Amino acid sequence: KNLFDCDKQVSAIEIGLEDVRQSDDVQGKISSLMGSDYLLKNRFQQNKALFSTLQTEKLWAFVLLIFILVVATFNIIGALTMLIIEKKKDIVTLSNIGADGNFIRRIFMTEGLLITFIGALIGLALGLLFCFLQMKFAFVKFAEGFVTDAYPMDIQAKDFLFILLSVFCIGVIAAWFPVRFFTKKNALDKFRLEV
């Protein structure tokens, strides 16, 4: 007001709410009281670019996670392949005492799923810890001029569940390929000849 010498005019009024989730309701009520002569914007409308960027970052973070999981899939495939090759004698022994291919397949599938599940739990625990630390201490900060000083975190159970399901699905596929390949009948017969 002092800069433009407008003592009797107001260019903007800011209203703070204790519960941000009520902003749409409050905006609607104020808009109906004030009429169409006034422009009302909530925090999300004022900073549309920022919130749109945050949503896009969330999507790309998930795409990056999937890419990392695909790379980790090769580790699971390699680990199970090495385990199966290492346990050739045990596989032949199990086969000789009457274990069929399905039984042997279940053993190694369980091993692959255990690797996947334990890795997923450790990863989710570390991710959750990082989120809590960011919320508490704000390690990742924005530059000056943003609405918020630190990178905002919103922990949602559905995101963690979606990540866990994605990891589990990729882990099942990663375990299935080597187990299926090495526990076929002709592979078991080849193991017998090698042992």
C-alpha atoms as a PDB file:
ATOM      1  CA  LYS A   1       0.000   0.000   0.000  1.00  0.00           C
ATOM      2  CA  ASN A   2       2.803   2.427   0.840  1.00  0.00           C
ATOM      3  CA  LEU A   3       4.748   1.671  -2.341  1.00  0.00           C
ATOM      4  CA  PHE A   4       1.856   2.524  -4.678  1.00  0.00           C
ATOM      5  CA  ASP A   5       0.321   5.189  -2.398  1.00  0.00           C
ATOM      6  CA  CYS A   6      -2.971   3.286  -2.071  1.00  0.00           C
ATOM      7  CA  ASP A   7      -3.852   3.761   1.578  1.00  0.00           C
ATOM      8  CA  LYS A   8      -7.549   3.068   1.152  1.00  0.00           C
ATOM      9  CA  GLN A   9      -7.290   0.116  -1.241  1.00  0.00           C
ATOM     10  CA  VAL A  10      -6.454  -3.525  -0.646  1.00  0.00           C
ATOM     11  CA  SER A  11      -4.906  -5.635  -3.399  1.00  0.00           C
ATOM     12  CA  ALA A  12      -4.908  -8.965  -1.586  1.00  0.00           C
ATOM     13  CA  ILE A  13      -6.035 -10.608   1.626  1.00  0.00           C
ATOM     14  CA  GLU A  14      -4.520 -13.832   2.889  1.00  0.00           C
ATOM     15  CA  ILE A  15      -6.535 -16.201   5.049  1.00  0.00           C
ATOM     16  CA  GLY A  16      -4.805 -18.928   7.022  1.00  0.00           C
ATOM     17  CA  LEU A  17      -6.565 -22.157   7.943  1.00  0.00           C
ATOM     18  CA  GLU A  18      -5.720 -24.617  10.684  1.00  0.00           C
ATOM     19  CA  ASP A  19      -6.835 -27.507   8.460  1.00  0.00           C
ATOM     20  CA  VAL A  20      -5.657 -27.079   4.850  1.00  0.00           C
ATOM     21  CA  ARG A  21      -8.043 -29.817   3.697  1.00  0.00           C
ATOM     22  CA  GLN A  22     -10.937 -27.378   4.259  1.00  0.00           C
ATOM     23  CA  SER A  23      -9.567 -24.838   1.768  1.00  0.00           C
ATOM     24  CA  ASP A  24     -12.024 -25.777  -1.004  1.00  0.00           C
ATOM     25  CA  ASP A  25     -15.030 -25.454   1.328  1.00  0.00           C
ATOM     26  CA  VAL A  26     -13.851 -22.123   2.745  1.00  0.00           C
ATOM     27  CA  GLN A  27     -13.024 -20.833  -0.744  1.00  0.00           C
ATOM     28  CA  GLY A  28     -16.531 -21.733  -1.950  1.00  0.00           C
ATOM     29  CA  LYS A  29     -18.197 -19.989   1.004  1.00  0.00           C
ATOM     30  CA  ILE A  30     -16.104 -16.823   0.642  1.00  0.00           C
ATOM     31  CA  SER A  31     -16.659 -16.799  -3.129  1.00  0.00           C
ATOM     32  CA  SER A  32     -20.433 -16.967  -2.671  1.00  0.00           C
ATOM     33  CA  LEU A  33     -20.266 -14.085  -0.157  1.00  0.00           C
ATOM     34  CA  MET A  34     -17.958 -11.858  -2.239  1.00  0.00           C
ATOM     35  CA  GLY A  35     -19.461 -12.446  -5.672  1.00  0.00           C
ATOM     36  CA  SER A  36     -17.734 -12.650  -9.038  1.00  0.00           C
ATOM     37  CA  ASP A  37     -16.007  -9.250  -8.776  1.00  0.00           C
ATOM     38  CA  TYR A  38     -13.200 -10.726  -6.704  1.00  0.00           C
ATOM     39  CA  LEU A  39     -10.638 -13.342  -7.633  1.00  0.00           C
ATOM     40  CA  LEU A  40     -10.220 -16.058  -5.007  1.00  0.00           C
ATOM     41  CA  LYS A  41      -7.359 -18.537  -5.192  1.00  0.00           C
ATOM     42  CA  ASN A  42      -6.286 -21.158  -2.722  1.00  0.00           C
ATOM     43  CA  ARG A  43      -2.685 -22.211  -2.147  1.00  0.00           C
ATOM     44  CA  PHE A  44      -2.864 -24.944  -4.789  1.00  0.00           C
ATOM     45  CA  GLN A  45      -4.260 -22.577  -7.443  1.00  0.00           C
ATOM     46  CA  GLN A  46      -1.663 -19.913  -6.654  1.00  0.00           C
ATOM     47  CA  ASN A  47       1.186 -22.400  -6.925  1.00  0.00           C
ATOM     48  CA  LYS A  48      -0.210 -24.651  -9.632  1.00  0.00           C
ATOM     49  CA  ALA A  49       3.183 -25.106 -11.315  1.00  0.00           C
ATOM     50  CA  LEU A  50       4.831 -26.227  -8.069  1.00  0.00           C
ATOM     51  CA  PHE A  51       2.162 -28.766  -7.188  1.00  0.00           C
ATOM     52  CA  SER A  52       2.031 -30.032 -10.767  1.00  0.00           C
ATOM     53  CA  THR A  53       5.809 -30.464 -10.663  1.00  0.00           C
ATOM     54  CA  LEU A  54       5.562 -32.382  -7.395  1.00  0.00           C
ATOM     55  CA  GLN A  55       2.992 -34.766  -8.921  1.00  0.00           C
ATOM     56  CA  THR A  56       5.206 -35.276 -11.970  1.00  0.00           C
ATOM     57  CA  GLU A  57       8.202 -35.920  -9.709  1.00  0.00           C
ATOM     58  CA  LYS A  58       6.209 -38.572  -7.872  1.00  0.00           C
ATOM     59  CA  LEU A  59       5.412 -40.313 -11.162  1.00  0.00           C
ATOM     60  CA  TRP A  60       9.030 -40.178 -12.343  1.00  0.00           C
ATOM     61  CA  ALA A  61      10.268 -41.408  -8.968  1.00  0.00           C
ATOM     62  CA  PHE A  62       8.030 -44.447  -9.387  1.00  0.00           C
ATOM     63  CA  VAL A  63       9.266 -45.008 -12.968  1.00  0.00           C
ATOM     64  CA  LEU A  64      12.850 -44.790 -11.686  1.00  0.00           C
ATOM     65  CA  LEU A  65      12.011 -47.276  -8.925  1.00  0.00           C
ATOM     66  CA  ILE A  66      10.614 -49.718 -11.497  1.00  0.00           C
ATOM     67  CA  PHE A  67      13.784 -49.324 -13.576  1.00  0.00           C
ATOM     68  CA  ILE A  68      15.919 -50.073 -10.506  1.00  0.00           C
ATOM     69  CA  LEU A  69      13.726 -53.097  -9.781  1.00  0.00           C
ATOM     70  CA  VAL A  70      14.211 -54.391 -13.314  1.00  0.00           C
ATOM     71  CA  VAL A  71      17.980 -54.123 -12.821  1.00  0.00           C
ATOM     72  CA  ALA A  72      17.616 -55.865  -9.441  1.00  0.00           C
ATOM     73  CA  THR A  73      15.663 -58.601 -11.222  1.00  0.00           C
ATOM     74  CA  PHE A  74      18.854 -59.627 -12.975  1.00  0.00           C
ATOM     75  CA  ASN A  75      20.524 -59.956  -9.563  1.00  0.00           C
ATOM     76  CA  ILE A  76      17.759 -62.286  -8.391  1.00  0.00           C
ATOM     77  CA  ILE A  77      17.964 -64.305 -11.612  1.00  0.00           C
ATOM     78  CA  GLY A  78      21.747 -64.537 -11.243  1.00  0.00           C
ATOM     79  CA  ALA A  79      21.584 -65.468  -7.557  1.00  0.00           C
ATOM     80  CA  LEU A  80      19.019 -68.213  -8.147  1.00  0.00           C
ATOM     81  CA  THR A  81      20.893 -69.527 -11.167  1.00  0.00           C
ATOM     82  CA  MET A  82      24.106 -69.760  -9.134  1.00  0.00           C
ATOM     83  CA  LEU A  83      22.231 -71.401  -6.256  1.00  0.00           C
ATOM     84  CA  ILE A  84      20.676 -74.003  -8.554  1.00  0.00           C
ATOM     85  CA  ILE A  85      24.020 -74.755 -10.222  1.00  0.00           C
ATOM     86  CA  GLU A  86      25.679 -74.945  -6.798  1.00  0.00           C
ATOM     87  CA  LYS A  87      23.015 -77.343  -5.512  1.00  0.00           C
ATOM     88  CA  LYS A  88      23.084 -79.718  -8.502  1.00  0.00           C
ATOM     89  CA  LYS A  89      24.057 -82.687  -6.345  1.00  0.00           C
ATOM     90  CA  ASP A  90      21.280 -81.953  -3.861  1.00  0.00           C
ATOM     91  CA  ILE A  91      18.757 -81.619  -6.688  1.00  0.00           C
ATOM     92  CA  VAL A  92      19.830 -84.985  -8.112  1.00  0.00           C
ATOM     93  CA  THR A  93      19.622 -86.567  -4.636  1.00  0.00           C
ATOM     94  CA  LEU A  94      16.123 -85.175  -4.101  1.00  0.00           C
ATOM     95  CA  SER A  95      15.110 -86.396  -7.547  1.00  0.00           C
ATOM     96  CA  ASN A  96      16.544 -89.876  -6.876  1.00  0.00           C
ATOM     97  CA  ILE A  97      14.578 -90.264  -3.641  1.00  0.00           C
ATOM     98  CA  GLY A  98      11.345 -89.416  -5.416  1.00  0.00           C
ATOM     99  CA  ALA A  99      10.993 -85.630  -5.447  1.00  0.00           C
ATOM    100  CA  ASP A 100       9.361 -84.488  -8.649  1.00  0.00           C
ATOM    101  CA  GLY A 101      10.142 -81.315 -10.592  1.00  0.00           C
ATOM    102  CA  ASN A 102       7.288 -79.396  -8.942  1.00  0.00           C
ATOM    103  CA  PHE A 103       8.645 -80.057  -5.445  1.00  0.00           C
ATOM    104  CA  ILE A 104      12.140 -78.925  -6.427  1.00  0.00           C
ATOM    105  CA  ARG A 105      10.649 -75.927  -8.244  1.00  0.00           C
ATOM    106  CA  ARG A 106       8.738 -74.899  -5.104  1.00  0.00           C
ATOM    107  CA  ILE A 107      11.946 -75.013  -3.032  1.00  0.00           C
ATOM    108  CA  PHE A 108      13.770 -72.580  -5.305  1.00  0.00           C
ATOM    109  CA  MET A 109      10.696 -70.392  -5.887  1.00  0.00           C
ATOM    110  CA  THR A 110      10.389 -70.036  -2.118  1.00  0.00           C
ATOM    111  CA  GLU A 111      14.059 -69.050  -1.971  1.00  0.00           C
ATOM    112  CA  GLY A 112      13.551 -66.418  -4.683  1.00  0.00           C
ATOM    113  CA  LEU A 113      10.434 -65.047  -3.009  1.00  0.00           C
ATOM    114  CA  LEU A 114      12.233 -64.856   0.341  1.00  0.00           C
ATOM    115  CA  ILE A 115      15.037 -62.846  -1.262  1.00  0.00           C
ATOM    116  CA  THR A 116      12.451 -60.530  -2.845  1.00  0.00           C
ATOM    117  CA  PHE A 117      10.320 -60.156   0.280  1.00  0.00           C
ATOM    118  CA  ILE A 118      13.225 -59.465   2.641  1.00  0.00           C
ATOM    119  CA  GLY A 119      14.710 -56.964   0.166  1.00  0.00           C
ATOM    120  CA  ALA A 120      11.341 -55.239  -0.211  1.00  0.00           C
ATOM    121  CA  LEU A 121      10.841 -54.971   3.551  1.00  0.00           C
ATOM    122  CA  ILE A 122      14.329 -53.554   4.091  1.00  0.00           C
ATOM    123  CA  GLY A 123      13.837 -51.087   1.216  1.00  0.00           C
ATOM    124  CA  LEU A 124      10.428 -49.960   2.470  1.00  0.00           C
ATOM    125  CA  ALA A 125      11.743 -49.571   6.022  1.00  0.00           C
ATOM    126  CA  LEU A 126      14.651 -47.421   4.817  1.00  0.00           C
ATOM    127  CA  GLY A 127      12.301 -45.382   2.606  1.00  0.00           C
ATOM    128  CA  LEU A 128       9.900 -44.822   5.493  1.00  0.00           C
ATOM    129  CA  LEU A 129      12.798 -43.823   7.760  1.00  0.00           C
ATOM    130  CA  PHE A 130      14.014 -41.318   5.165  1.00  0.00           C
ATOM    131  CA  CYS A 131      10.495 -39.862   4.827  1.00  0.00           C
ATOM    132  CA  PHE A 132      10.160 -39.430   8.597  1.00  0.00           C
ATOM    133  CA  LEU A 133      13.619 -37.841   8.822  1.00  0.00           C
ATOM    134  CA  GLN A 134      12.751 -35.443   5.976  1.00  0.00           C
ATOM    135  CA  MET A 135       9.487 -34.500   7.687  1.00  0.00           C
ATOM    136  CA  LYS A 136      11.230 -33.946  11.029  1.00  0.00           C
ATOM    137  CA  PHE A 137      14.566 -32.363  10.022  1.00  0.00           C
ATOM    138  CA  ALA A 138      13.962 -31.145   6.421  1.00  0.00           C
ATOM    139  CA  PHE A 139      17.292 -32.288   4.946  1.00  0.00           C
ATOM    140  CA  VAL A 140      16.257 -31.658   1.327  1.00  0.00           C
ATOM    141  CA  LYS A 141      15.522 -27.948   1.026  1.00  0.00           C
ATOM    142  CA  PHE A 142      14.164 -25.749  -1.774  1.00  0.00           C
ATOM    143  CA  ALA A 143      15.789 -22.546  -2.968  1.00  0.00           C
ATOM    144  CA  GLU A 144      14.493 -19.194  -1.749  1.00  0.00           C
ATOM    145  CA  GLY A 145      11.118 -18.014  -3.007  1.00  0.00           C
ATOM    146  CA  PHE A 146       9.144 -21.249  -2.792  1.00  0.00           C
ATOM    147  CA  VAL A 147       5.973 -21.647  -0.772  1.00  0.00           C
ATOM    148  CA  THR A 148       7.668 -24.162   1.472  1.00  0.00           C
ATOM    149  CA  ASP A 149      11.298 -24.275   2.605  1.00  0.00           C
ATOM    150  CA  ALA A 150      11.816 -28.033   2.442  1.00  0.00           C
ATOM    151  CA  TYR A 151      10.745 -30.782   0.076  1.00  0.00           C
ATOM    152  CA  PRO A 152       7.317 -31.859   1.344  1.00  0.00           C
ATOM    153  CA  MET A 153       6.661 -35.466   2.335  1.00  0.00           C
ATOM    154  CA  ASP A 154       3.282 -37.119   2.535  1.00  0.00           C
ATOM    155  CA  ILE A 155       3.369 -40.716   3.698  1.00  0.00           C
ATOM    156  CA  GLN A 156       0.465 -42.653   2.232  1.00  0.00           C
ATOM    157  CA  ALA A 157      -0.133 -46.325   2.909  1.00  0.00           C
ATOM    158  CA  LYS A 158      -1.417 -46.876  -0.639  1.00  0.00           C
ATOM    159  CA  ASP A 159       1.936 -45.766  -2.097  1.00  0.00           C
ATOM    160  CA  PHE A 160       3.852 -48.200   0.093  1.00  0.00           C
ATOM    161  CA  LEU A 161       1.394 -50.985  -0.707  1.00  0.00           C
ATOM    162  CA  PHE A 162       1.672 -50.250  -4.437  1.00  0.00           C
ATOM    163  CA  ILE A 163       5.469 -50.365  -4.219  1.00  0.00           C
ATOM    164  CA  LEU A 164       5.367 -53.629  -2.250  1.00  0.00           C
ATOM    165  CA  LEU A 165       3.036 -55.207  -4.825  1.00  0.00           C
ATOM    166  CA  SER A 166       5.226 -54.002  -7.702  1.00  0.00           C
ATOM    167  CA  VAL A 167       8.350 -55.414  -6.065  1.00  0.00           C
ATOM    168  CA  PHE A 168       6.593 -58.691  -5.342  1.00  0.00           C
ATOM    169  CA  CYS A 169       5.318 -59.072  -8.938  1.00  0.00           C
ATOM    170  CA  ILE A 170       8.736 -58.350 -10.413  1.00  0.00           C
ATOM    171  CA  GLY A 171      10.312 -60.720  -7.861  1.00  0.00           C
ATOM    172  CA  VAL A 172       7.941 -63.550  -8.812  1.00  0.00           C
ATOM    173  CA  ILE A 173       8.820 -63.095 -12.479  1.00  0.00           C
ATOM    174  CA  ALA A 174      12.533 -62.915 -11.648  1.00  0.00           C
ATOM    175  CA  ALA A 175      12.371 -66.119  -9.595  1.00  0.00           C
ATOM    176  CA  TRP A 176      10.190 -67.976 -12.075  1.00  0.00           C
ATOM    177  CA  PHE A 177      12.542 -67.810 -15.089  1.00  0.00           C
ATOM    178  CA  PRO A 178      15.646 -69.550 -13.700  1.00  0.00           C
ATOM    179  CA  VAL A 179      13.629 -71.979 -11.582  1.00  0.00           C
ATOM    180  CA  ARG A 180      11.477 -72.993 -14.540  1.00  0.00           C
ATOM    181  CA  PHE A 181      14.481 -73.342 -16.843  1.00  0.00           C
ATOM    182  CA  PHE A 182      16.674 -75.374 -14.478  1.00  0.00           C
ATOM    183  CA  THR A 183      13.970 -77.668 -13.093  1.00  0.00           C
ATOM    184  CA  LYS A 184      12.645 -78.960 -16.401  1.00  0.00           C
ATOM    185  CA  LYS A 185      12.844 -82.708 -16.894  1.00  0.00           C
ATOM    186  CA  ASN A 186      15.683 -82.508 -19.423  1.00  0.00           C
ATOM    187  CA  ALA A 187      17.651 -80.160 -17.128  1.00  0.00           C
ATOM    188  CA  LEU A 188      17.257 -82.629 -14.230  1.00  0.00           C
ATOM    189  CA  ASP A 189      18.440 -85.449 -16.498  1.00  0.00           C
ATOM    190  CA  LYS A 190      21.441 -83.340 -17.517  1.00  0.00           C
ATOM    191  CA  PHE A 191      22.252 -82.729 -13.830  1.00  0.00           C
ATOM    192  CA  ARG A 192      22.225 -86.496 -13.264  1.00  0.00           C
ATOM    193  CA  LEU A 193      24.743 -87.009 -16.058  1.00  0.00           C
ATOM    194  CA  GLU A 194      27.016 -84.247 -14.738  1.00  0.00           C
ATOM    195  CA  VAL A 195      26.972 -85.581 -11.172  1.00  0.00           C
END
